[in-house]
């Protein structure tokens, strides 16, 4: 089912319906099948198109964590927290704060390079 959903969503890339929501939806479907690399690409595009899209920041952080990029994930969560707080989306901000703290507690993570 998810492969069919992905195929249908991919058909919309480059059409007038191509936007942050489409890219978020594609990224979410890729995460569901364990393809964090393609999820990262789509979610990065979603936040590039709509930097205030806190749900996309949250999934981008998850995808980056899954592909072993904790610093990039931490950066995504921090940007997502800022976006969520600006919109008043307290739940999303809380969730991303928890995820960010988990990364910060890892040895060597959370430090600027």
Protein backbone atom coordinates (compact mmCIF):
# COMPACT_ATOMS: atom_id res chain seq x y z
CA UNK A 1 0.00 0.00 0.00
CA UNK A 2 2.70 2.48 0.96
CA UNK A 3 4.61 1.87 -2.28
CA UNK A 4 1.47 2.75 -4.22
CA UNK A 5 1.00 5.89 -2.11
CA UNK A 6 4.61 6.91 -2.77
CA UNK A 7 4.18 6.33 -6.51
CA UNK A 8 1.03 8.45 -6.58
CA UNK A 9 2.67 11.25 -4.60
CA UNK A 10 5.76 11.19 -6.83
CA UNK A 11 3.52 11.81 -9.85
CA UNK A 12 2.62 15.17 -8.33
CA UNK A 13 6.22 16.43 -8.12
CA UNK A 14 6.67 19.31 -10.53
CA UNK A 15 2.94 19.92 -10.86
CA UNK A 16 1.01 22.85 -9.38
CA UNK A 17 0.29 20.64 -6.33
CA UNK A 18 4.01 20.29 -5.56
CA UNK A 19 4.60 22.06 -2.27
CA UNK A 20 5.56 21.62 1.34
CA UNK A 21 2.59 19.37 2.13
CA UNK A 22 3.35 17.03 -0.78
CA UNK A 23 7.01 16.80 0.20
CA UNK A 24 6.05 16.24 3.87
CA UNK A 25 3.66 13.47 2.85
CA UNK A 26 6.31 11.81 0.67
CA UNK A 27 8.89 12.04 3.46
CA UNK A 28 6.46 10.53 5.92
CA UNK A 29 5.71 7.61 3.59
CA UNK A 30 9.42 6.99 3.04
CA UNK A 31 9.94 6.87 6.81
CA UNK A 32 7.14 4.33 7.09
CA UNK A 33 9.04 1.94 4.80
CA UNK A 34 12.38 2.60 6.48
CA UNK A 35 13.89 4.71 3.68
CA UNK A 36 15.29 7.53 5.81
CA UNK A 37 17.59 8.77 3.02
CA UNK A 38 14.74 9.58 0.63
CA UNK A 39 12.66 10.82 3.56
CA UNK A 40 15.42 13.29 4.42
CA UNK A 41 15.49 14.63 0.87
CA UNK A 42 11.74 15.18 0.75
CA UNK A 43 11.50 16.64 4.25
CA UNK A 44 14.40 19.01 3.61
CA UNK A 45 12.51 20.21 0.56
CA UNK A 46 9.34 20.62 2.64
CA UNK A 47 11.04 22.91 5.17
CA UNK A 48 12.83 24.80 2.38
CA UNK A 49 9.41 25.56 0.90
CA UNK A 50 7.83 26.33 4.29
CA UNK A 51 10.30 27.06 7.11
CA UNK A 52 7.38 27.37 9.57
CA UNK A 53 6.25 23.76 8.98
CA UNK A 54 7.04 22.36 12.43
CA UNK A 55 5.77 18.84 11.68
CA UNK A 56 8.18 18.64 8.74
CA UNK A 57 11.07 19.77 10.96
CA UNK A 58 10.18 17.03 13.44
CA UNK A 59 10.20 14.30 10.80
CA UNK A 60 13.36 15.72 9.24
CA UNK A 61 15.06 15.40 12.62
CA UNK A 62 13.85 11.81 12.85
CA UNK A 63 15.13 10.97 9.36
CA UNK A 64 18.52 12.54 10.08
CA UNK A 65 18.76 10.59 13.34
CA UNK A 66 17.98 7.37 11.50
CA UNK A 67 20.73 7.94 8.93
CA UNK A 68 23.30 8.66 11.63
CA UNK A 69 23.54 12.45 11.43
CA UNK A 70 22.86 13.51 15.04
CA UNK A 71 24.24 17.04 14.71
CA UNK A 72 22.09 17.74 11.65
CA UNK A 73 19.11 16.18 13.46
CA UNK A 74 19.73 18.41 16.47
CA UNK A 75 19.87 21.46 14.19
CA UNK A 76 16.58 20.42 12.55
CA UNK A 77 14.91 19.94 15.93
CA UNK A 78 16.13 23.34 17.12
CA UNK A 79 14.77 25.04 14.01
CA UNK A 80 11.55 23.07 14.39
CA UNK A 81 11.21 24.12 18.03
CA UNK A 82 11.59 27.76 17.02
CA UNK A 83 9.00 27.36 14.25
CA UNK A 84 6.57 25.56 16.56
CA UNK A 85 6.93 28.14 19.32
CA UNK A 86 6.37 30.95 16.85
CA UNK A 87 3.11 29.30 15.72
CA UNK A 88 2.05 28.43 19.27
CA UNK A 89 2.30 24.69 18.56
CA UNK A 90 3.30 23.74 22.09
CA UNK A 91 2.96 19.97 21.66
CA UNK A 92 5.31 19.83 18.66
CA UNK A 93 7.81 22.05 20.49
CA UNK A 94 7.72 19.76 23.53
CA UNK A 95 8.21 16.62 21.45
CA UNK A 96 11.15 18.07 19.54
CA UNK A 97 12.69 19.33 22.80
CA UNK A 98 12.62 15.76 24.14
CA UNK A 99 14.21 14.41 20.94
CA UNK A 100 16.87 17.15 20.98
CA UNK A 101 17.76 16.42 24.60
CA UNK A 102 18.22 12.74 23.80
CA UNK A 103 20.74 13.67 21.13
CA UNK A 104 22.49 16.17 23.42
CA UNK A 105 22.96 13.43 26.02
CA UNK A 106 24.83 11.24 23.55
CA UNK A 107 28.62 11.36 23.88
CA UNK A 108 30.05 13.87 21.42
CA UNK A 109 26.65 15.07 20.20
CA UNK A 110 25.17 18.49 20.51
CA UNK A 111 28.46 20.32 20.10
CA UNK A 112 29.10 22.72 17.29
CA UNK A 113 31.78 21.70 14.84
